[in-house]
């Protein structure tokens, strides 16, 4: 899974790293508000880097959600 944040946004960087996102480069984005540019950090989350919580996760209401997405008739789950 990929994500990113604008350099200087320490809060976003901290939350991303806390769940296991790792640095995957950066890219320059034009910033029309300042007639300049900003840098966006690209992040990557893999099964190996994902920080799992120390508690079990339960999901309720998954059936209706899958139905809404058209995924309730899948045979491979």
C-alpha atoms as a PDB file:
ATOM      1  CA  UNK A   1       0.000   0.000   0.000  1.00  0.00           C
ATOM      2  CA  UNK A   2       1.315   3.455  -0.826  1.00  0.00           C
ATOM      3  CA  UNK A   3       0.868   6.799   0.886  1.00  0.00           C
ATOM      4  CA  UNK A   4       2.679  10.081   1.224  1.00  0.00           C
ATOM      5  CA  UNK A   5       2.950  13.397   2.993  1.00  0.00           C
ATOM      6  CA  UNK A   6       4.268  16.858   2.258  1.00  0.00           C
ATOM      7  CA  UNK A   7       7.712  17.388   3.772  1.00  0.00           C
ATOM      8  CA  UNK A   8       7.413  19.405   6.945  1.00  0.00           C
ATOM      9  CA  UNK A   9       4.147  17.762   7.994  1.00  0.00           C
ATOM     10  CA  UNK A  10       5.585  16.072  11.082  1.00  0.00           C
ATOM     11  CA  UNK A  11       2.209  14.840  12.349  1.00  0.00           C
ATOM     12  CA  UNK A  12       1.416  12.972   9.142  1.00  0.00           C
ATOM     13  CA  UNK A  13       4.922  11.529   9.016  1.00  0.00           C
ATOM     14  CA  UNK A  14       4.665  10.278  12.607  1.00  0.00           C
ATOM     15  CA  UNK A  15       1.299   8.569  12.115  1.00  0.00           C
ATOM     16  CA  UNK A  16       2.486   6.880   8.925  1.00  0.00           C
ATOM     17  CA  UNK A  17       5.677   5.589  10.500  1.00  0.00           C
ATOM     18  CA  UNK A  18       3.799   4.375  13.586  1.00  0.00           C
ATOM     19  CA  UNK A  19       1.804   1.882  11.495  1.00  0.00           C
ATOM     20  CA  UNK A  20       4.867   0.775   9.533  1.00  0.00           C
ATOM     21  CA  UNK A  21       5.122   2.878   6.390  1.00  0.00           C
ATOM     22  CA  UNK A  22       8.709   3.181   5.187  1.00  0.00           C
ATOM     23  CA  UNK A  23      10.351   5.783   2.980  1.00  0.00           C
ATOM     24  CA  UNK A  24      10.055   5.100  -0.744  1.00  0.00           C
ATOM     25  CA  UNK A  25      11.508   8.291  -2.230  1.00  0.00           C
ATOM     26  CA  UNK A  26      10.204  11.762  -2.813  1.00  0.00           C
ATOM     27  CA  UNK A  27       8.872  13.854  -5.641  1.00  0.00           C
ATOM     28  CA  UNK A  28       8.635  17.500  -6.459  1.00  0.00           C
ATOM     29  CA  UNK A  29       5.148  18.976  -6.686  1.00  0.00           C
ATOM     30  CA  UNK A  30       4.358  22.338  -8.233  1.00  0.00           C
ATOM     31  CA  UNK A  31       2.802  24.698  -5.698  1.00  0.00           C
ATOM     32  CA  UNK A  32       0.646  27.248  -7.548  1.00  0.00           C
ATOM     33  CA  UNK A  33      -0.060  29.142  -4.303  1.00  0.00           C
ATOM     34  CA  UNK A  34       3.566  30.126  -3.911  1.00  0.00           C
ATOM     35  CA  UNK A  35       4.741  29.948  -7.540  1.00  0.00           C
ATOM     36  CA  UNK A  36       7.267  27.412  -6.304  1.00  0.00           C
ATOM     37  CA  UNK A  37       7.283  23.761  -5.399  1.00  0.00           C
ATOM     38  CA  UNK A  38       6.957  21.404  -2.453  1.00  0.00           C
ATOM     39  CA  UNK A  39       8.397  17.965  -1.825  1.00  0.00           C
ATOM     40  CA  UNK A  40       6.159  14.981  -1.179  1.00  0.00           C
ATOM     41  CA  UNK A  41       7.598  11.971   0.631  1.00  0.00           C
ATOM     42  CA  UNK A  42       6.423   8.687  -0.876  1.00  0.00           C
ATOM     43  CA  UNK A  43       5.788   5.881   1.596  1.00  0.00           C
ATOM     44  CA  UNK A  44       5.254   2.158   1.244  1.00  0.00           C
ATOM     45  CA  UNK A  45       3.553  -0.296   3.594  1.00  0.00           C
ATOM     46  CA  UNK A  46       4.126  -4.024   3.127  1.00  0.00           C
ATOM     47  CA  UNK A  47       2.971  -7.039   5.144  1.00  0.00           C
ATOM     48  CA  UNK A  48       6.502  -7.235   6.571  1.00  0.00           C
ATOM     49  CA  UNK A  49       6.597  -3.616   7.750  1.00  0.00           C
ATOM     50  CA  UNK A  50       2.980  -3.361   8.962  1.00  0.00           C
ATOM     51  CA  UNK A  51       2.939  -2.843  12.733  1.00  0.00           C
ATOM     52  CA  UNK A  52       0.133  -4.998  14.018  1.00  0.00           C
ATOM     53  CA  UNK A  53      -1.727  -3.829  17.114  1.00  0.00           C
ATOM     54  CA  UNK A  54      -1.267  -5.853  20.313  1.00  0.00           C
ATOM     55  CA  UNK A  55      -4.987  -6.716  20.384  1.00  0.00           C
ATOM     56  CA  UNK A  56      -7.353  -8.740  18.205  1.00  0.00           C
ATOM     57  CA  UNK A  57      -9.390  -6.841  15.642  1.00  0.00           C
ATOM     58  CA  UNK A  58     -13.040  -7.656  15.078  1.00  0.00           C
ATOM     59  CA  UNK A  59     -15.043  -6.470  12.096  1.00  0.00           C
ATOM     60  CA  UNK A  60     -18.807  -6.131  12.302  1.00  0.00           C
ATOM     61  CA  UNK A  61     -21.055  -5.370   9.365  1.00  0.00           C
ATOM     62  CA  UNK A  62     -18.651  -6.737   6.771  1.00  0.00           C
ATOM     63  CA  UNK A  63     -21.395  -8.566   4.862  1.00  0.00           C
ATOM     64  CA  UNK A  64     -23.431  -5.457   3.958  1.00  0.00           C
ATOM     65  CA  UNK A  65     -20.229  -3.587   3.123  1.00  0.00           C
ATOM     66  CA  UNK A  66     -19.046  -6.319   0.751  1.00  0.00           C
ATOM     67  CA  UNK A  67     -22.502  -6.392  -0.814  1.00  0.00           C
ATOM     68  CA  UNK A  68     -22.329  -2.643  -1.438  1.00  0.00           C
ATOM     69  CA  UNK A  69     -19.010  -3.151  -3.233  1.00  0.00           C
ATOM     70  CA  UNK A  70     -20.365  -6.082  -5.222  1.00  0.00           C
ATOM     71  CA  UNK A  71     -17.962  -8.491  -3.527  1.00  0.00           C
ATOM     72  CA  UNK A  72     -20.437 -10.603  -1.573  1.00  0.00           C
ATOM     73  CA  UNK A  73     -20.643 -13.329  -4.195  1.00  0.00           C
ATOM     74  CA  UNK A  74     -16.942 -14.169  -4.182  1.00  0.00           C
ATOM     75  CA  UNK A  75     -16.099 -17.845  -3.907  1.00  0.00           C
ATOM     76  CA  UNK A  76     -12.378 -17.451  -3.116  1.00  0.00           C
ATOM     77  CA  UNK A  77     -12.672 -15.981   0.383  1.00  0.00           C
END
